[in-house]
Amino acid sequence: MPKLYEYFGLIVMFYANEHEPVHVHGKYQDRESRAEIIVVNGEITGIRYANVAGRAPLGNTEMRHFKELVSARAVEIVSKWIDFFVLHKSVKSELITRRLK
């Protein structure tokens, strides 16, 4: 499970056995939500957030942090998805210590 980012205690990651569409999971303690990045003709056209079956969803503060990070880093997340799942490259984790907006 490659960890992409750590942002104020929130972990943003892929599961190694993932499938399309491009998406990441946001985890904080025992809570988890998911963000699907919608790509049409090579362009990001939207981001959909959803709960993960069988898991308690992120709380309000953590969900706000998750949305901030995914919105700010969507292009980079898609690139990391391609690197990991298509090109079979490793991806580096990043610790973010300043607020994104």
PDB file of N, CA and C in Angstrom:
ATOM      1  N   MET A   1       0.844  -1.172   0.000  1.00  0.00           N
ATOM      2  CA  MET A   1       0.000   0.000   0.000  1.00  0.00           C
ATOM      3  C   MET A   1       0.890   1.235   0.000  1.00  0.00           C
ATOM      4  N   PRO A   2       1.144   1.780  -1.162  1.00  0.00           N
ATOM      5  CA  PRO A   2       2.005   2.956  -1.247  1.00  0.00           C
ATOM      6  C   PRO A   2       1.358   4.188  -0.608  1.00  0.00           C
ATOM      7  N   LYS A   3       2.066   4.757   0.339  1.00  0.00           N
ATOM      8  CA  LYS A   3       1.619   6.004   0.964  1.00  0.00           C
ATOM      9  C   LYS A   3       2.135   7.150   0.105  1.00  0.00           C
ATOM     10  N   LEU A   4       1.240   8.045  -0.287  1.00  0.00           N
ATOM     11  CA  LEU A   4       1.619   9.175  -1.129  1.00  0.00           C
ATOM     12  C   LEU A   4       1.936  10.408  -0.305  1.00  0.00           C
ATOM     13  N   TYR A   5       1.064  10.700   0.662  1.00  0.00           N
ATOM     14  CA  TYR A   5       1.196  11.926   1.447  1.00  0.00           C
ATOM     15  C   TYR A   5       0.795  11.674   2.893  1.00  0.00           C
ATOM     16  N   GLU A   6       1.389  12.473   3.764  1.00  0.00           N
ATOM     17  CA  GLU A   6       0.902  12.598   5.128  1.00  0.00           C
ATOM     18  C   GLU A   6       0.661  14.082   5.341  1.00  0.00           C
ATOM     19  N   TYR A   7      -0.558  14.410   5.772  1.00  0.00           N
ATOM     20  CA  TYR A   7      -0.991  15.803   5.866  1.00  0.00           C
ATOM     21  C   TYR A   7      -1.778  15.977   7.160  1.00  0.00           C
ATOM     22  N   PHE A   8      -1.156  16.559   8.170  1.00  0.00           N
ATOM     23  CA  PHE A   8      -1.787  16.782   9.476  1.00  0.00           C
ATOM     24  C   PHE A   8      -2.414  15.503  10.040  1.00  0.00           C
ATOM     25  N   GLY A   9      -1.660  14.402   9.969  1.00  0.00           N
ATOM     26  CA  GLY A   9      -2.113  13.120  10.503  1.00  0.00           C
ATOM     27  C   GLY A   9      -2.924  12.279   9.531  1.00  0.00           C
ATOM     28  N   LEU A  10      -3.380  12.870   8.451  1.00  0.00           N
ATOM     29  CA  LEU A  10      -4.138  12.160   7.420  1.00  0.00           C
ATOM     30  C   LEU A  10      -3.152  11.461   6.481  1.00  0.00           C
ATOM     31  N   ILE A  11      -3.384  10.200   6.212  1.00  0.00           N
ATOM     32  CA  ILE A  11      -2.561   9.439   5.275  1.00  0.00           C
ATOM     33  C   ILE A  11      -3.347   9.309   3.973  1.00  0.00           C
ATOM     34  N   VAL A  12      -2.720   9.670   2.857  1.00  0.00           N
ATOM     35  CA  VAL A  12      -3.335   9.520   1.535  1.00  0.00           C
ATOM     36  C   VAL A  12      -2.525   8.470   0.794  1.00  0.00           C
ATOM     37  N   MET A  13      -3.218   7.416   0.325  1.00  0.00           N
ATOM     38  CA  MET A  13      -2.513   6.272  -0.224  1.00  0.00           C
ATOM     39  C   MET A  13      -3.335   5.521  -1.256  1.00  0.00           C
ATOM     40  N   PHE A  14      -2.614   4.623  -1.978  1.00  0.00           N
ATOM     41  CA  PHE A  14      -3.239   3.631  -2.852  1.00  0.00           C
ATOM     42  C   PHE A  14      -3.187   2.296  -2.116  1.00  0.00           C
ATOM     43  N   TYR A  15      -4.090   1.402  -2.434  1.00  0.00           N
ATOM     44  CA  TYR A  15      -3.909  -0.004  -2.089  1.00  0.00           C
ATOM     45  C   TYR A  15      -3.225  -0.647  -3.287  1.00  0.00           C
ATOM     46  N   ALA A  16      -2.307  -1.558  -3.063  1.00  0.00           N
ATOM     47  CA  ALA A  16      -1.497  -2.137  -4.138  1.00  0.00           C
ATOM     48  C   ALA A  16      -2.322  -2.941  -5.142  1.00  0.00           C
ATOM     49  N   ASN A  17      -3.500  -3.397  -4.765  1.00  0.00           N
ATOM     50  CA  ASN A  17      -4.335  -4.204  -5.663  1.00  0.00           C
ATOM     51  C   ASN A  17      -5.476  -3.384  -6.268  1.00  0.00           C
ATOM     52  N   GLU A  18      -5.279  -2.095  -6.452  1.00  0.00           N
ATOM     53  CA  GLU A  18      -6.346  -1.205  -6.925  1.00  0.00           C
ATOM     54  C   GLU A  18      -6.706  -1.437  -8.391  1.00  0.00           C
ATOM     55  N   HIS A  19      -7.740  -0.786  -8.805  1.00  0.00           N
ATOM     56  CA  HIS A  19      -8.278  -0.867 -10.156  1.00  0.00           C
ATOM     57  C   HIS A  19      -8.670   0.543 -10.577  1.00  0.00           C
ATOM     58  N   GLU A  20      -8.905   0.721 -11.867  1.00  0.00           N
ATOM     59  CA  GLU A  20      -9.390   2.022 -12.329  1.00  0.00           C
ATOM     60  C   GLU A  20     -10.826   2.193 -11.857  1.00  0.00           C
ATOM     61  N   PRO A  21     -11.317   3.392 -11.753  1.00  0.00           N
ATOM     62  CA  PRO A  21     -10.726   4.684 -12.101  1.00  0.00           C
ATOM     63  C   PRO A  21      -9.664   5.116 -11.086  1.00  0.00           C
ATOM     64  N   VAL A  22      -8.891   6.122 -11.476  1.00  0.00           N
ATOM     65  CA  VAL A  22      -7.852   6.664 -10.605  1.00  0.00           C
ATOM     66  C   VAL A  22      -8.509   7.139  -9.312  1.00  0.00           C
ATOM     67  N   HIS A  23      -8.014   6.641  -8.191  1.00  0.00           N
ATOM     68  CA  HIS A  23      -8.553   7.079  -6.906  1.00  0.00           C
ATOM     69  C   HIS A  23      -7.527   6.864  -5.803  1.00  0.00           C
ATOM     70  N   VAL A  24      -7.713   7.590  -4.719  1.00  0.00           N
ATOM     71  CA  VAL A  24      -6.869   7.464  -3.534  1.00  0.00           C
ATOM     72  C   VAL A  24      -7.763   7.307  -2.313  1.00  0.00           C
ATOM     73  N   HIS A  25      -7.164   6.786  -1.267  1.00  0.00           N
ATOM     74  CA  HIS A  25      -7.859   6.635   0.008  1.00  0.00           C
ATOM     75  C   HIS A  25      -7.245   7.597   1.006  1.00  0.00           C
ATOM     76  N   GLY A  26      -8.092   8.232   1.791  1.00  0.00           N
ATOM     77  CA  GLY A  26      -7.649   9.069   2.894  1.00  0.00           C
ATOM     78  C   GLY A  26      -7.960   8.344   4.186  1.00  0.00           C
ATOM     79  N   LYS A  27      -6.930   8.128   5.018  1.00  0.00           N
ATOM     80  CA  LYS A  27      -7.116   7.399   6.278  1.00  0.00           C
ATOM     81  C   LYS A  27      -6.661   8.270   7.436  1.00  0.00           C
ATOM     82  N   TYR A  28      -7.460   8.248   8.483  1.00  0.00           N
ATOM     83  CA  TYR A  28      -7.107   8.923   9.724  1.00  0.00           C
ATOM     84  C   TYR A  28      -7.586   8.033  10.856  1.00  0.00           C
ATOM     85  N   GLN A  29      -6.642   7.514  11.617  1.00  0.00           N
ATOM     86  CA  GLN A  29      -6.933   6.547  12.677  1.00  0.00           C
ATOM     87  C   GLN A  29      -7.730   5.390  12.087  1.00  0.00           C
ATOM     88  N   ASP A  30      -8.935   5.131  12.552  1.00  0.00           N
ATOM     89  CA  ASP A  30      -9.709   3.996  12.035  1.00  0.00           C
ATOM     90  C   ASP A  30     -10.768   4.423  11.019  1.00  0.00           C
ATOM     91  N   ARG A  31     -10.636   5.626  10.491  1.00  0.00           N
ATOM     92  CA  ARG A  31     -11.620   6.152   9.536  1.00  0.00           C
ATOM     93  C   ARG A  31     -11.006   6.233   8.140  1.00  0.00           C
ATOM     94  N   GLU A  32     -11.864   6.116   7.119  1.00  0.00           N
ATOM     95  CA  GLU A  32     -11.345   6.114   5.748  1.00  0.00           C
ATOM     96  C   GLU A  32     -12.411   6.601   4.774  1.00  0.00           C
ATOM     97  N   SER A  33     -11.982   7.421   3.814  1.00  0.00           N
ATOM     98  CA  SER A  33     -12.832   7.852   2.703  1.00  0.00           C
ATOM     99  C   SER A  33     -12.013   7.734   1.427  1.00  0.00           C
ATOM    100  N   ARG A  34     -12.671   7.948   0.306  1.00  0.00           N
ATOM    101  CA  ARG A  34     -12.036   7.736  -0.990  1.00  0.00           C
ATOM    102  C   ARG A  34     -12.308   8.935  -1.893  1.00  0.00           C
ATOM    103  N   ALA A  35     -11.337   9.258  -2.756  1.00  0.00           N
ATOM    104  CA  ALA A  35     -11.505  10.318  -3.752  1.00  0.00           C
ATOM    105  C   ALA A  35     -11.197   9.738  -5.128  1.00  0.00           C
ATOM    106  N   GLU A  36     -12.164   9.834  -6.034  1.00  0.00           N
ATOM    107  CA  GLU A  36     -11.987   9.380  -7.411  1.00  0.00           C
ATOM    108  C   GLU A  36     -11.708  10.603  -8.275  1.00  0.00           C
ATOM    109  N   ILE A  37     -10.609  10.559  -8.997  1.00  0.00           N
ATOM    110  CA  ILE A  37     -10.234  11.666  -9.878  1.00  0.00           C
ATOM    111  C   ILE A  37     -10.711  11.310 -11.280  1.00  0.00           C
ATOM    112  N   ILE A  38     -11.595  12.129 -11.818  1.00  0.00           N
ATOM    113  CA  ILE A  38     -12.201  11.857 -13.117  1.00  0.00           C
ATOM    114  C   ILE A  38     -11.327  12.488 -14.201  1.00  0.00           C
ATOM    115  N   VAL A  39     -10.849  11.635 -15.115  1.00  0.00           N
ATOM    116  CA  VAL A  39      -9.968  12.072 -16.194  1.00  0.00           C
ATOM    117  C   VAL A  39     -10.659  11.755 -17.515  1.00  0.00           C
ATOM    118  N   VAL A  40     -10.834  12.787 -18.356  1.00  0.00           N
ATOM    119  CA  VAL A  40     -11.443  12.624 -19.676  1.00  0.00           C
ATOM    120  C   VAL A  40     -10.488  13.218 -20.701  1.00  0.00           C
ATOM    121  N   ASN A  41     -10.070  12.399 -21.670  1.00  0.00           N
ATOM    122  CA  ASN A  41      -9.135  12.840 -22.712  1.00  0.00           C
ATOM    123  C   ASN A  41      -7.898  13.510 -22.127  1.00  0.00           C
ATOM    124  N   GLY A  42      -7.369  12.939 -21.063  1.00  0.00           N
ATOM    125  CA  GLY A  42      -6.144  13.451 -20.459  1.00  0.00           C
ATOM    126  C   GLY A  42      -6.314  14.666 -19.571  1.00  0.00           C
ATOM    127  N   GLU A  43      -7.539  15.117 -19.372  1.00  0.00           N
ATOM    128  CA  GLU A  43      -7.814  16.293 -18.534  1.00  0.00           C
ATOM    129  C   GLU A  43      -8.600  15.875 -17.296  1.00  0.00           C
ATOM    130  N   ILE A  44      -8.246  16.450 -16.157  1.00  0.00           N
ATOM    131  CA  ILE A  44      -9.010  16.204 -14.936  1.00  0.00           C
ATOM    132  C   ILE A  44     -10.274  17.054 -14.998  1.00  0.00           C
ATOM    133  N   THR A  45     -11.424  16.383 -14.967  1.00  0.00           N
ATOM    134  CA  THR A  45     -12.694  17.101 -15.094  1.00  0.00           C
ATOM    135  C   THR A  45     -13.474  17.167 -13.789  1.00  0.00           C
ATOM    136  N   GLY A  46     -13.029  16.435 -12.782  1.00  0.00           N
ATOM    137  CA  GLY A  46     -13.733  16.474 -11.508  1.00  0.00           C
ATOM    138  C   GLY A  46     -13.132  15.524 -10.499  1.00  0.00           C
ATOM    139  N   ILE A  47     -13.611  15.654  -9.282  1.00  0.00           N
ATOM    140  CA  ILE A  47     -13.203  14.770  -8.188  1.00  0.00           C
ATOM    141  C   ILE A  47     -14.466  14.389  -7.428  1.00  0.00           C
ATOM    142  N   ARG A  48     -14.672  13.086  -7.230  1.00  0.00           N
ATOM    143  CA  ARG A  48     -15.819  12.575  -6.480  1.00  0.00           C
ATOM    144  C   ARG A  48     -15.324  11.965  -5.180  1.00  0.00           C
ATOM    145  N   TYR A  49     -15.981  12.313  -4.097  1.00  0.00           N
ATOM    146  CA  TYR A  49     -15.617  11.777  -2.780  1.00  0.00           C
ATOM    147  C   TYR A  49     -16.690  10.798  -2.335  1.00  0.00           C
ATOM    148  N   ALA A  50     -16.255   9.717  -1.695  1.00  0.00           N
ATOM    149  CA  ALA A  50     -17.210   8.693  -1.267  1.00  0.00           C
ATOM    150  C   ALA A  50     -16.715   8.011  -0.001  1.00  0.00           C
ATOM    151  N   ASN A  51     -17.650   7.378   0.687  1.00  0.00           N
ATOM    152  CA  ASN A  51     -17.302   6.547   1.832  1.00  0.00           C
ATOM    153  C   ASN A  51     -16.761   5.219   1.323  1.00  0.00           C
ATOM    154  N   VAL A  52     -16.031   4.521   2.171  1.00  0.00           N
ATOM    155  CA  VAL A  52     -15.500   3.198   1.852  1.00  0.00           C
ATOM    156  C   VAL A  52     -16.359   2.174   2.592  1.00  0.00           C
ATOM    157  N   ALA A  53     -16.868   1.199   1.869  1.00  0.00           N
ATOM    158  CA  ALA A  53     -17.737   0.179   2.467  1.00  0.00           C
ATOM    159  C   ALA A  53     -17.039  -0.497   3.640  1.00  0.00           C
ATOM    160  N   GLY A  54     -17.764  -0.602   4.741  1.00  0.00           N
ATOM    161  CA  GLY A  54     -17.247  -1.283   5.912  1.00  0.00           C
ATOM    162  C   GLY A  54     -16.337  -0.446   6.793  1.00  0.00           C
ATOM    163  N   ARG A  55     -16.129   0.820   6.437  1.00  0.00           N
ATOM    164  CA  ARG A  55     -15.262   1.705   7.220  1.00  0.00           C
ATOM    165  C   ARG A  55     -16.040   2.945   7.630  1.00  0.00           C
ATOM    166  N   ALA A  56     -15.736   3.457   8.804  1.00  0.00           N
ATOM    167  CA  ALA A  56     -16.318   4.737   9.219  1.00  0.00           C
ATOM    168  C   ALA A  56     -15.688   5.829   8.360  1.00  0.00           C
ATOM    169  N   PRO A  57     -16.474   6.797   7.878  1.00  0.00           N
ATOM    170  CA  PRO A  57     -15.916   7.861   7.036  1.00  0.00           C
ATOM    171  C   PRO A  57     -15.063   8.831   7.851  1.00  0.00           C
ATOM    172  N   LEU A  58     -14.227   9.572   7.150  1.00  0.00           N
ATOM    173  CA  LEU A  58     -13.428  10.608   7.795  1.00  0.00           C
ATOM    174  C   LEU A  58     -14.340  11.605   8.496  1.00  0.00           C
ATOM    175  N   GLY A  59     -13.868  12.164   9.595  1.00  0.00           N
ATOM    176  CA  GLY A  59     -14.592  13.227  10.279  1.00  0.00           C
ATOM    177  C   GLY A  59     -14.522  14.515   9.473  1.00  0.00           C
ATOM    178  N   ASN A  60     -15.248  15.531   9.891  1.00  0.00           N
ATOM    179  CA  ASN A  60     -15.330  16.786   9.137  1.00  0.00           C
ATOM    180  C   ASN A  60     -13.969  17.431   8.904  1.00  0.00           C
ATOM    181  N   THR A  61     -13.145  17.535   9.939  1.00  0.00           N
ATOM    182  CA  THR A  61     -11.833  18.175   9.797  1.00  0.00           C
ATOM    183  C   THR A  61     -10.939  17.378   8.864  1.00  0.00           C
ATOM    184  N   GLU A  62     -10.890  16.070   9.050  1.00  0.00           N
ATOM    185  CA  GLU A  62     -10.044  15.235   8.207  1.00  0.00           C
ATOM    186  C   GLU A  62     -10.547  15.231   6.764  1.00  0.00           C
ATOM    187  N   MET A  63     -11.865  15.247   6.573  1.00  0.00           N
ATOM    188  CA  MET A  63     -12.412  15.289   5.215  1.00  0.00           C
ATOM    189  C   MET A  63     -12.048  16.601   4.535  1.00  0.00           C
ATOM    190  N   ARG A  64     -12.089  17.693   5.286  1.00  0.00           N
ATOM    191  CA  ARG A  64     -11.683  18.986   4.727  1.00  0.00           C
ATOM    192  C   ARG A  64     -10.215  18.934   4.302  1.00  0.00           C
ATOM    193  N   HIS A  65      -9.350  18.361   5.145  1.00  0.00           N
ATOM    194  CA  HIS A  65      -7.930  18.214   4.796  1.00  0.00           C
ATOM    195  C   HIS A  65      -7.757  17.319   3.567  1.00  0.00           C
ATOM    196  N   PHE A  66      -8.516  16.238   3.501  1.00  0.00           N
ATOM    197  CA  PHE A  66      -8.459  15.320   2.363  1.00  0.00           C
ATOM    198  C   PHE A  66      -8.834  16.049   1.071  1.00  0.00           C
ATOM    199  N   LYS A  67      -9.909  16.804   1.103  1.00  0.00           N
ATOM    200  CA  LYS A  67     -10.338  17.551  -0.083  1.00  0.00           C
ATOM    201  C   LYS A  67      -9.307  18.601  -0.484  1.00  0.00           C
ATOM    202  N   GLU A  68      -8.726  19.296   0.497  1.00  0.00           N
ATOM    203  CA  GLU A  68      -7.676  20.287   0.205  1.00  0.00           C
ATOM    204  C   GLU A  68      -6.514  19.631  -0.522  1.00  0.00           C
ATOM    205  N   LEU A  69      -6.056  18.514   0.007  1.00  0.00           N
ATOM    206  CA  LEU A  69      -4.887  17.857  -0.559  1.00  0.00           C
ATOM    207  C   LEU A  69      -5.174  17.301  -1.948  1.00  0.00           C
ATOM    208  N   VAL A  70      -6.267  16.580  -2.100  1.00  0.00           N
ATOM    209  CA  VAL A  70      -6.578  15.980  -3.401  1.00  0.00           C
ATOM    210  C   VAL A  70      -6.796  17.064  -4.454  1.00  0.00           C
ATOM    211  N   SER A  71      -7.482  18.137  -4.111  1.00  0.00           N
ATOM    212  CA  SER A  71      -7.694  19.230  -5.066  1.00  0.00           C
ATOM    213  C   SER A  71      -6.373  19.868  -5.478  1.00  0.00           C
ATOM    214  N   ALA A  72      -5.501  20.103  -4.502  1.00  0.00           N
ATOM    215  CA  ALA A  72      -4.222  20.765  -4.782  1.00  0.00           C
ATOM    216  C   ALA A  72      -3.251  19.865  -5.532  1.00  0.00           C
ATOM    217  N   ARG A  73      -3.341  18.562  -5.338  1.00  0.00           N
ATOM    218  CA  ARG A  73      -2.348  17.635  -5.895  1.00  0.00           C
ATOM    219  C   ARG A  73      -2.935  16.638  -6.895  1.00  0.00           C
ATOM    220  N   ALA A  74      -4.083  16.919  -7.473  1.00  0.00           N
ATOM    221  CA  ALA A  74      -4.754  15.954  -8.358  1.00  0.00           C
ATOM    222  C   ALA A  74      -3.878  15.537  -9.536  1.00  0.00           C
ATOM    223  N   VAL A  75      -3.222  16.481 -10.188  1.00  0.00           N
ATOM    224  CA  VAL A  75      -2.368  16.153 -11.340  1.00  0.00           C
ATOM    225  C   VAL A  75      -1.230  15.240 -10.896  1.00  0.00           C
ATOM    226  N   GLU A  76      -0.630  15.560  -9.774  1.00  0.00           N
ATOM    227  CA  GLU A  76       0.464  14.749  -9.233  1.00  0.00           C
ATOM    228  C   GLU A  76      -0.024  13.353  -8.837  1.00  0.00           C
ATOM    229  N   ILE A  77      -1.218  13.256  -8.281  1.00  0.00           N
ATOM    230  CA  ILE A  77      -1.781  11.954  -7.908  1.00  0.00           C
ATOM    231  C   ILE A  77      -1.981  11.088  -9.146  1.00  0.00           C
ATOM    232  N   VAL A  78      -2.515  11.660 -10.217  1.00  0.00           N
ATOM    233  CA  VAL A  78      -2.705  10.904 -11.462  1.00  0.00           C
ATOM    234  C   VAL A  78      -1.353  10.419 -11.983  1.00  0.00           C
ATOM    235  N   SER A  79      -0.353  11.275 -11.936  1.00  0.00           N
ATOM    236  CA  SER A  79       0.989  10.899 -12.378  1.00  0.00           C
ATOM    237  C   SER A  79       1.547   9.748 -11.537  1.00  0.00           C
ATOM    238  N   LYS A  80       1.347   9.820 -10.227  1.00  0.00           N
ATOM    239  CA  LYS A  80       1.822   8.749  -9.345  1.00  0.00           C
ATOM    240  C   LYS A  80       1.056   7.453  -9.603  1.00  0.00           C
ATOM    241  N   TRP A  81      -0.240   7.554  -9.907  1.00  0.00           N
ATOM    242  CA  TRP A  81      -1.044   6.371 -10.246  1.00  0.00           C
ATOM    243  C   TRP A  81      -0.453   5.680 -11.476  1.00  0.00           C
ATOM    244  N   ILE A  82      -0.172   6.472 -12.509  1.00  0.00           N
ATOM    245  CA  ILE A  82       0.406   5.915 -13.739  1.00  0.00           C
ATOM    246  C   ILE A  82       1.766   5.285 -13.446  1.00  0.00           C
ATOM    247  N   ASP A  83       2.610   6.003 -12.701  1.00  0.00           N
ATOM    248  CA  ASP A  83       3.921   5.450 -12.349  1.00  0.00           C
ATOM    249  C   ASP A  83       3.781   4.103 -11.651  1.00  0.00           C
ATOM    250  N   PHE A  84       2.904   4.018 -10.672  1.00  0.00           N
ATOM    251  CA  PHE A  84       2.801   2.809  -9.859  1.00  0.00           C
ATOM    252  C   PHE A  84       2.074   1.676 -10.577  1.00  0.00           C
ATOM    253  N   PHE A  85       0.887   1.950 -11.115  1.00  0.00           N
ATOM    254  CA  PHE A  85       0.058   0.880 -11.657  1.00  0.00           C
ATOM    255  C   PHE A  85       0.345   0.541 -13.113  1.00  0.00           C
ATOM    256  N   VAL A  86       0.816   1.499 -13.900  1.00  0.00           N
ATOM    257  CA  VAL A  86       1.073   1.245 -15.320  1.00  0.00           C
ATOM    258  C   VAL A  86       2.553   0.956 -15.560  1.00  0.00           C
ATOM    259  N   LEU A  87       3.425   1.816 -15.031  1.00  0.00           N
ATOM    260  CA  LEU A  87       4.863   1.683 -15.279  1.00  0.00           C
ATOM    261  C   LEU A  87       5.577   0.844 -14.223  1.00  0.00           C
ATOM    262  N   HIS A  88       4.869   0.468 -13.171  1.00  0.00           N
ATOM    263  CA  HIS A  88       5.407  -0.370 -12.089  1.00  0.00           C
ATOM    264  C   HIS A  88       6.641   0.240 -11.435  1.00  0.00           C
ATOM    265  N   LYS A  89       6.603   1.550 -11.247  1.00  0.00           N
ATOM    266  CA  LYS A  89       7.664   2.265 -10.543  1.00  0.00           C
ATOM    267  C   LYS A  89       7.242   2.466  -9.093  1.00  0.00           C
ATOM    268  N   SER A  90       8.227   2.641  -8.229  1.00  0.00           N
ATOM    269  CA  SER A  90       7.894   2.973  -6.846  1.00  0.00           C
ATOM    270  C   SER A  90       7.545   4.461  -6.773  1.00  0.00           C
ATOM    271  N   VAL A  91       6.763   4.832  -5.779  1.00  0.00           N
ATOM    272  CA  VAL A  91       6.415   6.239  -5.574  1.00  0.00           C
ATOM    273  C   VAL A  91       6.885   6.659  -4.191  1.00  0.00           C
ATOM    274  N   LYS A  92       7.312   7.901  -4.092  1.00  0.00           N
ATOM    275  CA  LYS A  92       7.817   8.417  -2.824  1.00  0.00           C
ATOM    276  C   LYS A  92       6.708   9.105  -2.045  1.00  0.00           C
ATOM    277  N   SER A  93       6.764   8.916  -0.754  1.00  0.00           N
ATOM    278  CA  SER A  93       5.823   9.566   0.148  1.00  0.00           C
ATOM    279  C   SER A  93       6.322  10.970   0.470  1.00  0.00           C
ATOM    280  N   GLU A  94       5.383  11.870   0.694  1.00  0.00           N
ATOM    281  CA  GLU A  94       5.723  13.251   1.028  1.00  0.00           C
ATOM    282  C   GLU A  94       4.994  13.662   2.308  1.00  0.00           C
ATOM    283  N   LEU A  95       5.741  14.226   3.239  1.00  0.00           N
ATOM    284  CA  LEU A  95       5.167  14.791   4.454  1.00  0.00           C
ATOM    285  C   LEU A  95       4.903  16.267   4.187  1.00  0.00           C
ATOM    286  N   ILE A  96       3.642  16.682   4.286  1.00  0.00           N
ATOM    287  CA  ILE A  96       3.267  18.077   4.040  1.00  0.00           C
ATOM    288  C   ILE A  96       2.962  18.710   5.392  1.00  0.00           C
ATOM    289  N   THR A  97       3.699  19.753   5.729  1.00  0.00           N
ATOM    290  CA  THR A  97       3.560  20.377   7.048  1.00  0.00           C
ATOM    291  C   THR A  97       2.925  21.761   6.998  1.00  0.00           C
ATOM    292  N   ARG A  98       2.627  22.249   5.798  1.00  0.00           N
ATOM    293  CA  ARG A  98       1.958  23.548   5.666  1.00  0.00           C
ATOM    294  C   ARG A  98       0.600  23.365   5.018  1.00  0.00           C
ATOM    295  N   ARG A  99      -0.335  24.211   5.393  1.00  0.00           N
ATOM    296  CA  ARG A  99      -1.690  24.136   4.834  1.00  0.00           C
ATOM    297  C   ARG A  99      -1.662  24.365   3.334  1.00  0.00           C
ATOM    298  N   LEU A 100      -2.475  23.608   2.631  1.00  0.00           N
ATOM    299  CA  LEU A 100      -2.662  23.751   1.189  1.00  0.00           C
ATOM    300  C   LEU A 100      -3.974  24.475   0.952  1.00  0.00           C
ATOM    301  N   LYS A 101      -4.051  25.238  -0.105  1.00  0.00           N
ATOM    302  CA  LYS A 101      -5.314  25.866  -0.502  1.00  0.00           C
ATOM    303  C   LYS A 101      -5.277  26.227  -1.936  1.00  0.00           C
TER     304      LYS A 101
END
